Amino acid sequence: MKKLVVYTLSVAICFLLAECRQEEKKSELVHREFYQTVWERFDFVGENIEVTTPTTFDLMLRLRFTDDYVYDYISMVFTVFDASGTPYRSKAYRFKLKDEEGHWNSQLVDGCYTFELPINKALQITETGTYLFQIEQTIPTTPLVGVKELSLINNNPN
């Protein structure tokens, strides 16, 4: 009887953890890990997103850098294209990553500094269709070394 209870609890916990991971995956719209921590200038990072009902996105960009990253900022353009390929929304961003003394504004964890940067808190898409969410780094020096990974997160998954 005791083994049955332990087994049942174990299975229930596994299902619960799987469901939590599924919810986490739903909110991640775009994800890229960079080979050898190198992001080339015209290497656009993007994903097609199917919008089936009018939606409001609350977007945040999660970036991870290694000590090899030499800049104190990241400069990028976030663009949403509609199904015809026409830009629906586009905005340039420049985020400061280091303080005045050149220290990262993040803690070092597993060899990386992680930043969560706001992109668009209330991006409304009112018409259904397939939209391309695309991120372009705009630092002129290429390649950009020290970028480990990038994720575009929707904090308002519908």
Protein backbone atom coordinates (compact mmCIF):
# COMPACT_ATOMS: atom_id res chain seq x y z
CA MET A 1 0.00 0.00 0.00
CA LYS A 2 2.81 2.38 0.93
CA LYS A 3 4.55 1.74 -2.42
CA LEU A 4 1.31 2.47 -4.27
CA VAL A 5 0.93 5.82 -2.50
CA VAL A 6 4.55 6.77 -3.22
CA TYR A 7 4.16 5.71 -6.87
CA THR A 8 0.88 7.66 -7.25
CA LEU A 9 2.40 10.78 -5.70
CA SER A 10 5.47 10.48 -7.94
CA VAL A 11 3.34 10.24 -11.08
CA ALA A 12 1.20 13.19 -9.96
CA ILE A 13 4.29 15.32 -9.34
CA CYS A 14 5.69 14.39 -12.77
CA PHE A 15 2.44 15.46 -14.45
CA LEU A 16 2.41 18.70 -12.49
CA LEU A 17 6.02 19.51 -13.42
CA ALA A 18 5.34 18.66 -17.07
CA GLU A 19 2.33 21.00 -17.08
CA CYS A 20 4.40 23.83 -15.54
CA ARG A 21 7.11 23.34 -18.17
CA GLN A 22 4.45 23.36 -20.91
CA GLU A 23 3.17 26.75 -19.64
CA GLU A 24 6.74 28.09 -19.60
CA LYS A 25 7.27 26.95 -23.20
CA LYS A 26 4.05 28.66 -24.34
CA SER A 27 5.35 32.03 -23.21
CA GLU A 28 8.67 31.70 -25.05
CA LEU A 29 8.02 33.01 -28.57
CA VAL A 30 11.58 33.08 -29.93
CA HIS A 31 14.70 31.34 -28.68
CA ARG A 32 18.24 31.15 -30.05
CA GLU A 33 21.47 29.82 -28.59
CA PHE A 34 24.46 31.24 -30.41
CA TYR A 35 27.15 28.89 -31.69
CA GLN A 36 30.44 29.77 -29.95
CA THR A 37 28.71 32.88 -28.47
CA VAL A 38 28.92 34.77 -31.78
CA TRP A 39 26.02 36.82 -33.21
CA GLU A 40 26.70 38.08 -36.74
CA ARG A 41 25.48 41.54 -37.78
CA PHE A 42 22.81 40.41 -40.29
CA ASP A 43 21.88 37.18 -38.54
CA PHE A 44 18.24 38.02 -37.83
CA VAL A 45 16.64 36.05 -35.01
CA GLY A 46 12.95 35.44 -35.52
CA GLU A 47 9.96 33.17 -35.46
CA ASN A 48 6.58 33.04 -37.17
CA ILE A 49 3.79 33.48 -34.62
CA GLU A 50 0.25 32.39 -35.47
CA VAL A 51 -2.33 34.82 -34.10
CA THR A 52 -5.78 33.18 -34.06
CA THR A 53 -7.65 35.82 -32.02
CA PRO A 54 -6.98 39.50 -31.29
CA THR A 55 -4.13 39.50 -28.80
CA THR A 56 -2.08 41.81 -26.62
CA PHE A 57 1.52 40.76 -26.07
CA ASP A 58 3.63 41.81 -23.06
CA LEU A 59 7.10 41.22 -24.48
CA MET A 60 10.40 40.92 -22.67
CA LEU A 61 13.79 40.02 -24.08
CA ARG A 62 16.01 37.69 -22.03
CA LEU A 63 19.67 37.89 -23.04
CA ARG A 64 22.63 35.98 -21.66
CA PHE A 65 26.21 37.24 -22.12
CA THR A 66 29.65 35.90 -21.23
CA ASP A 67 32.64 38.00 -20.09
CA ASP A 68 33.77 38.03 -23.74
CA TYR A 69 31.15 40.67 -24.52
CA VAL A 70 33.10 43.95 -24.68
CA TYR A 71 30.34 46.55 -24.98
CA ASP A 72 28.48 48.20 -22.10
CA TYR A 73 25.23 48.16 -24.12
CA ILE A 74 23.26 46.15 -26.67
CA SER A 75 21.66 47.87 -29.64
CA MET A 76 18.90 46.17 -31.62
CA VAL A 77 15.73 46.54 -33.65
CA PHE A 78 12.59 44.54 -32.89
CA THR A 79 10.18 44.26 -35.83
CA VAL A 80 6.86 42.51 -36.29
CA PHE A 81 5.93 41.75 -39.90
CA ASP A 82 2.38 40.88 -40.97
CA ALA A 83 1.52 37.94 -43.24
CA SER A 84 2.28 39.95 -46.39
CA GLY A 85 5.78 40.79 -45.11
CA THR A 86 4.92 44.42 -44.36
CA PRO A 87 6.35 45.80 -41.11
CA TYR A 88 3.49 45.97 -38.60
CA ARG A 89 5.54 47.46 -35.72
CA SER A 90 9.23 48.28 -35.48
CA LYS A 91 11.31 49.92 -32.77
CA ALA A 92 15.01 50.41 -32.11
CA TYR A 93 16.37 49.72 -28.61
CA ARG A 94 19.63 50.45 -26.83
CA PHE A 95 19.98 48.86 -23.40
CA LYS A 96 22.79 49.69 -20.96
CA LEU A 97 24.30 46.47 -19.57
CA LYS A 98 27.19 47.77 -17.46
CA ASP A 99 27.49 50.52 -14.86
CA GLU A 100 29.74 53.57 -15.11
CA GLU A 101 32.73 51.57 -13.83
CA GLY A 102 32.29 48.84 -16.46
CA HIS A 103 30.72 46.23 -14.15
CA TRP A 104 27.80 44.13 -15.37
CA ASN A 105 24.34 45.12 -14.05
CA SER A 106 23.67 41.42 -13.44
CA GLN A 107 25.05 38.55 -11.36
CA LEU A 108 27.35 35.93 -12.91
CA VAL A 109 25.54 32.57 -12.92
CA ASP A 110 26.89 29.51 -14.75
CA GLY A 111 29.40 31.70 -16.59
CA CYS A 112 26.77 34.12 -17.92
CA TYR A 113 25.12 37.40 -17.08
CA THR A 114 21.36 37.37 -17.66
CA PHE A 115 19.31 40.45 -18.49
CA GLU A 116 15.54 40.74 -18.81
CA LEU A 117 14.75 43.79 -20.90
CA PRO A 118 11.29 45.20 -21.67
CA ILE A 119 10.47 45.25 -25.37
CA ASN A 120 6.77 46.06 -25.70
CA LYS A 121 4.35 45.89 -22.78
CA ALA A 122 1.15 46.26 -24.81
CA LEU A 123 1.70 45.14 -28.40
CA GLN A 124 -1.80 44.71 -29.80
CA ILE A 125 -2.47 42.56 -32.85
CA THR A 126 -6.12 42.81 -33.80
CA GLU A 127 -6.18 40.81 -37.03
CA THR A 128 -5.55 37.08 -37.21
CA GLY A 129 -2.74 35.66 -39.30
CA THR A 130 0.91 34.70 -39.23
CA TYR A 131 3.28 37.37 -37.96
CA LEU A 132 7.06 37.28 -38.01
CA PHE A 133 8.66 38.52 -34.77
CA GLN A 134 12.26 39.44 -35.63
CA ILE A 135 15.25 40.77 -33.66
CA GLU A 136 18.28 42.32 -35.33
CA GLN A 137 21.40 43.40 -33.44
CA THR A 138 22.67 46.71 -34.80
CA ILE A 139 26.15 47.03 -33.34
CA PRO A 140 28.35 47.73 -36.39
CA THR A 141 31.30 45.59 -35.28
CA THR A 142 30.88 42.07 -36.55
CA PRO A 143 30.83 39.44 -35.29
CA LEU A 144 29.41 40.33 -31.89
CA VAL A 145 31.23 38.02 -29.47
CA GLY A 146 29.95 36.96 -26.05
CA VAL A 147 26.22 36.57 -26.72
CA LYS A 148 25.21 33.18 -25.33
CA GLU A 149 21.45 33.11 -25.92
CA LEU A 150 18.38 35.19 -26.55
CA SER A 151 14.69 34.56 -25.80
CA LEU A 152 11.64 36.67 -26.56
CA ILE A 153 9.11 36.03 -23.79
CA ASN A 154 5.42 36.86 -23.74
CA ASN A 155 4.43 37.65 -20.14
CA ASN A 156 0.78 37.62 -21.18
CA PRO A 157 0.26 34.19 -22.79
CA ASN A 158 -3.34 33.81 -23.93
